[in-house]
Protein backbone atom coordinates (compact mmCIF):
# COMPACT_ATOMS: atom_id res chain seq x y z
CA MET A 1 0.65 16.97 12.00
CA SER A 2 3.78 15.06 12.22
CA ASP A 3 7.04 15.69 9.69
CA TRP A 4 6.87 12.15 8.85
CA LEU A 5 2.40 11.43 9.00
CA ASP A 6 0.76 13.42 6.04
CA ILE A 7 -2.43 13.87 5.98
CA ASP A 8 -5.05 15.50 3.57
CA ARG A 9 -8.81 16.38 4.44
CA GLY A 10 -11.62 16.10 1.98
CA ASP A 11 -15.08 15.20 2.30
CA ALA A 12 -15.36 12.32 -0.41
CA PRO A 13 -16.19 8.89 0.99
CA LEU A 14 -13.09 7.66 0.15
CA ILE A 15 -9.50 7.25 1.75
CA VAL A 16 -6.49 6.63 -0.20
CA CYS A 17 -3.70 5.17 2.38
CA PHE A 18 0.23 4.97 1.46
CA PRO A 19 1.70 2.85 4.02
CA HIS A 20 4.96 1.86 2.04
CA GLY A 21 5.59 5.16 0.09
CA GLY A 22 8.15 6.80 2.54
CA THR A 23 12.01 6.26 2.32
CA ALA A 24 12.98 7.87 5.97
CA ILE A 25 15.13 6.02 8.04
CA PRO A 26 16.33 7.67 11.25
CA GLU A 27 20.18 7.72 11.64
CA ALA A 28 19.66 6.08 14.89
CA ILE A 29 18.24 3.06 12.74
CA GLU A 30 20.11 3.72 9.83
CA ALA A 31 23.94 3.49 11.38
CA GLY A 32 22.86 -0.44 11.82
CA LEU A 33 21.61 -1.02 8.06
CA SER A 34 24.07 -2.65 6.20
CA SER A 35 23.24 -0.60 2.71
CA PRO A 36 20.75 2.84 3.12
CA TRP A 37 20.02 1.55 -0.64
CA LEU A 38 18.43 -1.73 0.08
CA ALA A 39 16.47 -0.41 2.85
CA ARG A 40 14.59 1.83 0.20
CA LYS A 41 14.90 -0.75 -2.49
CA ASP A 42 10.85 -2.23 -2.06
CA ALA A 43 9.72 1.15 -1.34
CA ASP A 44 6.42 1.79 -3.37
CA TRP A 45 8.35 4.39 -5.47
CA HIS A 46 6.17 7.60 -6.65
CA ILE A 47 2.92 5.73 -4.87
CA ALA A 48 1.71 9.06 -4.06
CA GLN A 49 2.73 11.31 -6.73
CA LEU A 50 0.95 9.02 -9.25
CA TYR A 51 -2.25 9.51 -7.61
CA ALA A 52 -2.40 12.97 -6.83
CA PHE A 53 -5.23 13.36 -8.28
CA VAL A 54 -7.90 11.64 -5.89
CA ARG A 55 -6.92 14.72 -3.78
CA ASP A 56 -9.31 16.56 -6.90
CA MET A 57 -11.51 14.36 -6.21
CA GLY A 58 -12.44 15.19 -2.93
CA ALA A 59 -10.84 12.11 -1.21
CA THR A 60 -9.13 12.13 2.04
CA THR A 61 -5.05 10.92 1.42
CA ILE A 62 -3.01 9.07 4.42
CA ARG A 63 0.72 9.14 3.68
CA THR A 64 3.83 8.15 5.92
CA ALA A 65 6.72 9.63 5.40
CA MET A 66 8.79 6.39 7.12
CA SER A 67 10.27 3.58 5.38
CA ARG A 68 9.26 0.34 5.51
CA THR A 69 11.99 -1.07 6.91
CA VAL A 70 11.89 1.27 9.74
CA ILE A 71 7.83 -0.65 10.52
CA ASP A 72 5.93 -2.33 7.96
CA CYS A 73 2.03 -0.09 8.70
CA ASN A 74 0.56 -2.64 6.32
CA ARG A 75 1.49 -5.87 8.52
CA ASP A 76 -0.41 -7.83 11.10
CA PRO A 77 1.21 -5.98 14.94
CA SER A 78 1.33 -9.15 16.00
CA GLY A 79 3.64 -10.46 14.03
CA LEU A 80 1.87 -12.71 12.54
CA SER A 81 1.80 -13.57 8.63
CA LEU A 82 -0.42 -12.59 5.99
CA TYR A 83 0.66 -14.98 3.91
CA PRO A 84 1.18 -18.48 6.01
CA GLY A 85 4.12 -20.62 3.70
CA GLN A 86 5.11 -18.25 1.62
CA ALA A 87 7.64 -15.65 1.59
CA THR A 88 7.13 -12.40 3.15
CA THR A 89 8.61 -10.03 5.20
CA GLY A 90 7.33 -9.09 8.49
CA LEU A 91 6.17 -5.92 11.21
CA CYS A 92 10.09 -4.67 11.07
CA PRO A 93 11.45 -6.15 7.93
CA THR A 94 14.83 -8.12 8.34
CA GLU A 95 15.73 -9.17 4.78
CA THR A 96 14.36 -7.27 1.30
CA PHE A 97 11.93 -8.93 -0.75
CA ASP A 98 14.64 -10.15 -2.69
CA GLY A 99 16.28 -11.91 0.42
CA GLU A 100 19.10 -9.99 0.98
CA PRO A 101 20.12 -8.41 4.94
CA LEU A 102 19.22 -5.52 5.77
CA TYR A 103 21.06 -5.26 8.86
CA SER A 104 24.72 -5.49 9.03
CA ALA A 105 24.82 -7.23 13.04
CA THR A 106 21.95 -6.36 15.51
CA ARG A 107 18.18 -7.25 14.10
CA PRO A 108 15.48 -5.36 15.88
CA ASP A 109 14.81 -7.35 19.01
CA GLU A 110 10.88 -7.28 20.86
CA ALA A 111 11.86 -4.48 22.40
CA GLU A 112 13.02 -2.26 19.74
CA ILE A 113 10.08 -3.55 17.72
CA ALA A 114 7.25 -2.57 20.00
CA ARG A 115 9.31 1.41 20.02
CA ARG A 116 8.85 1.14 16.55
CA ARG A 117 5.51 0.35 16.72
CA ALA A 118 4.74 2.42 19.28
CA ASN A 119 6.17 5.46 17.41
CA TRP A 120 4.90 4.61 13.72
CA PHE A 121 2.63 2.38 13.56
CA ASP A 122 0.66 3.11 16.39
CA PRO A 123 -0.11 6.47 15.37
CA TYR A 124 -0.37 5.77 11.74
CA HIS A 125 -3.19 3.58 12.25
CA ALA A 126 -4.61 6.01 14.79
CA ALA A 127 -5.09 8.52 12.09
CA LEU A 128 -6.31 6.35 9.96
CA ARG A 129 -9.63 4.92 11.95
CA ASP A 130 -10.24 8.79 12.94
CA GLU A 131 -10.59 9.65 9.60
CA ILE A 132 -12.69 6.77 8.71
CA TYR A 133 -14.91 7.35 12.04
CA ARG A 134 -15.31 11.24 10.54
CA LEU A 135 -16.50 9.93 7.12
CA ARG A 136 -18.79 7.30 8.50
CA THR A 137 -20.65 9.83 10.28
CA ARG A 138 -21.24 11.68 7.18
CA HIS A 139 -21.86 8.78 4.60
CA ASP A 140 -23.79 5.66 4.71
CA ASP A 141 -20.65 3.99 3.43
CA ILE A 142 -17.10 4.77 3.11
CA VAL A 143 -14.27 2.94 0.85
CA VAL A 144 -10.95 2.63 2.54
CA TYR A 145 -8.66 2.30 -0.63
CA ASP A 146 -4.87 0.92 0.30
CA ALA A 147 -2.52 2.00 -2.39
CA HIS A 148 0.65 0.01 -3.49
CA SER A 149 2.98 -1.13 -6.17
CA ILE A 150 6.39 -3.40 -5.93
CA ARG A 151 8.38 -4.33 -9.25
CA SER A 152 7.24 -6.80 -12.10
CA ARG A 153 9.21 -9.64 -10.71
CA VAL A 154 10.33 -10.81 -7.36
CA PRO A 155 10.99 -14.08 -7.90
CA ARG A 156 11.55 -15.18 -4.10
CA LEU A 157 7.49 -13.62 -3.84
CA PHE A 158 6.02 -14.69 -7.32
CA GLU A 159 6.65 -16.82 -10.35
CA GLY A 160 7.38 -15.05 -13.29
CA GLU A 161 5.75 -11.64 -14.30
CA LEU A 162 3.15 -9.89 -11.72
CA PRO A 163 -0.36 -9.21 -13.61
CA GLN A 164 -0.34 -5.02 -14.29
CA PHE A 165 -3.76 -4.42 -11.82
CA ASN A 166 -3.64 -7.15 -8.22
CA VAL A 167 -7.30 -6.46 -6.71
CA GLY A 168 -7.09 -7.56 -3.00
CA THR A 169 -10.23 -7.95 -0.99
CA ASN A 170 -9.51 -10.66 1.06
CA GLY A 171 -11.52 -13.09 -0.84
CA GLY A 172 -14.43 -10.77 -0.58
CA ALA A 173 -14.97 -10.36 2.92
CA THR A 174 -13.39 -6.97 2.81
CA CYS A 175 -16.06 -5.19 0.93
CA SER A 176 -19.09 -5.24 -1.31
CA PRO A 177 -19.56 -7.52 -3.94
CA ALA A 178 -20.30 -4.77 -6.42
CA LEU A 179 -17.05 -2.81 -5.48
CA ARG A 180 -15.15 -5.71 -6.38
CA GLU A 181 -17.20 -6.47 -9.68
CA ALA A 182 -16.90 -2.80 -10.54
CA VAL A 183 -12.78 -2.54 -10.26
CA ALA A 184 -12.10 -5.71 -11.78
CA SER A 185 -14.28 -5.05 -14.33
CA ILE A 186 -12.40 -1.52 -15.02
CA CYS A 187 -9.15 -3.81 -15.25
CA ALA A 188 -10.26 -6.34 -17.28
CA ALA A 189 -11.39 -3.38 -19.84
CA SER A 190 -7.95 -1.95 -19.50
CA GLY A 191 -5.84 -4.20 -21.70
CA HIS A 192 -4.14 -4.89 -19.43
CA SER A 193 -3.36 -8.08 -16.80
CA HIS A 194 -5.27 -8.41 -13.73
CA VAL A 195 -6.33 -10.28 -10.49
CA VAL A 196 -8.54 -10.27 -8.16
CA ASP A 197 -7.51 -11.69 -4.64
CA GLY A 198 -4.24 -13.46 -6.13
CA ARG A 199 -0.69 -13.15 -4.82
CA PHE A 200 -2.26 -10.16 -2.80
CA ARG A 201 -5.00 -10.72 -0.96
CA GLY A 202 -5.14 -7.59 0.63
CA GLY A 203 -2.71 -6.67 3.53
CA TRP A 204 -4.01 -5.86 7.16
CA THR A 205 -4.86 -2.53 6.91
CA THR A 206 -7.43 -4.34 4.27
CA ARG A 207 -8.39 -7.18 6.13
CA HIS A 208 -8.57 -4.78 9.86
CA TYR A 209 -10.71 -2.58 8.68
CA GLY A 210 -12.75 -4.20 5.77
CA ALA A 211 -15.82 -4.47 7.61
CA PRO A 212 -18.87 -4.03 4.43
CA ASP A 213 -21.93 -4.84 6.79
CA ILE A 214 -21.32 -1.60 8.80
CA GLY A 215 -20.41 0.54 5.62
CA ILE A 216 -16.71 0.22 5.30
CA HIS A 217 -15.01 -1.24 2.15
CA ALA A 218 -11.45 -1.48 2.48
CA ILE A 219 -9.76 -2.69 -1.15
CA GLN A 220 -6.25 -2.92 -2.13
CA MET A 221 -4.45 -1.91 -5.05
CA GLU A 222 -1.06 -3.32 -5.62
CA LEU A 223 0.06 -2.09 -8.91
CA ALA A 224 2.93 -3.64 -11.19
CA MET A 225 5.70 -0.67 -11.21
CA ARG A 226 6.38 -1.31 -14.83
CA GLY A 227 2.82 0.60 -15.57
CA TYR A 228 3.88 3.83 -14.64
CA LEU A 229 8.01 3.51 -14.91
CA THR A 230 10.48 2.25 -16.73
CA GLU A 231 12.59 -1.39 -14.54
CA PRO A 232 15.93 -2.04 -14.85
CA GLU A 233 16.39 -6.01 -15.49
CA ALA A 234 17.97 -6.09 -12.13
CA PRO A 235 18.12 -3.10 -9.50
CA SER A 236 20.84 -1.15 -8.54
CA PRO A 237 22.33 1.71 -6.93
CA ASP A 238 22.45 3.04 -10.40
CA ASN A 239 19.33 2.19 -12.19
CA TRP A 240 16.89 2.63 -9.24
CA PRO A 241 14.67 3.87 -8.54
CA ALA A 242 13.91 5.00 -12.22
CA PRO A 243 11.83 7.87 -12.71
CA LEU A 244 7.92 7.90 -12.46
CA GLY A 245 6.84 8.60 -16.45
CA THR A 246 5.62 11.05 -17.55
CA GLN A 247 2.38 9.27 -19.23
CA PRO A 248 1.68 5.94 -17.27
CA ALA A 249 0.11 3.74 -18.85
CA VAL A 250 -1.77 2.97 -15.89
CA LEU A 251 -2.80 6.69 -14.96
CA PRO A 252 -5.94 6.60 -17.08
CA VAL A 253 -7.10 2.83 -15.88
CA LEU A 254 -6.52 4.02 -12.00
CA HIS A 255 -8.99 7.76 -12.82
CA ARG A 256 -11.41 4.88 -13.83
CA ILE A 257 -11.07 3.16 -10.55
CA ILE A 258 -11.16 5.74 -8.54
CA GLU A 259 -14.15 7.32 -9.74
CA ALA A 260 -15.67 3.86 -9.42
CA CYS A 261 -15.08 4.04 -5.91
CA LEU A 262 -16.69 7.60 -4.49
CA ASP A 263 -19.92 6.30 -7.21
CA PHE A 264 -19.81 3.02 -5.64
CA ALA A 265 -19.65 5.09 -2.09
CA LYS A 266 -22.09 8.03 -3.61
CA GLY A 267 -24.67 5.75 -5.74
CA ARG A 268 -25.61 3.83 -2.05
CA SER A 269 -25.27 6.72 0.66
């Protein structure tokens, strides 16, 4: 166990990953940034706390404390864009979701990107692979659930207000149709807006590990943050991040979604 990578092992056929909830930035990297606040602005705020209940259900959780500004553990390590032709951020982002520059001077070069990948990206995914292998040897089917959240309005990335629940399966390629439909049906019945394989079709984790033909079913859930905190009109150092709500509107729905993931995996095991 490291001081930046947290793994809590369960025996159920479910892994819940948190690649973007961290805010840690090494001093040497932070010294070159334009603003510590901007560097943490796009974190998936409170995401691991929101999903804390999954541990009581026997799920394994994997969480990096490292900020996505340091290294984005849900991007293609080759640097290729997951969404060609659309605005996005890279393996070592140089700007925020809103296009604000993250570095005051020198951006990370190829050598620095390789160093960060070796230090944080590769160990994170080695741990995830180990947990997939451990659980897959015990269950015929497992679910890898990649947990994310984002502000409801980010004009540079998408038009208008993002649906509350954004389910990503890369067009159905990363999991069984039965699992995709089960999760989508819960979202549809929730009374909140939802979309399947819309603006967020699943990042590198979902696309890389999803292999339903060998019993590994990967799905990404991107939550609009308004479902669990009060979003300001314009985030600033004075109002962002907002605190986690005391009774998040999405929480009962997330409970049902996680239960459905477990029921799916156990039903096929």
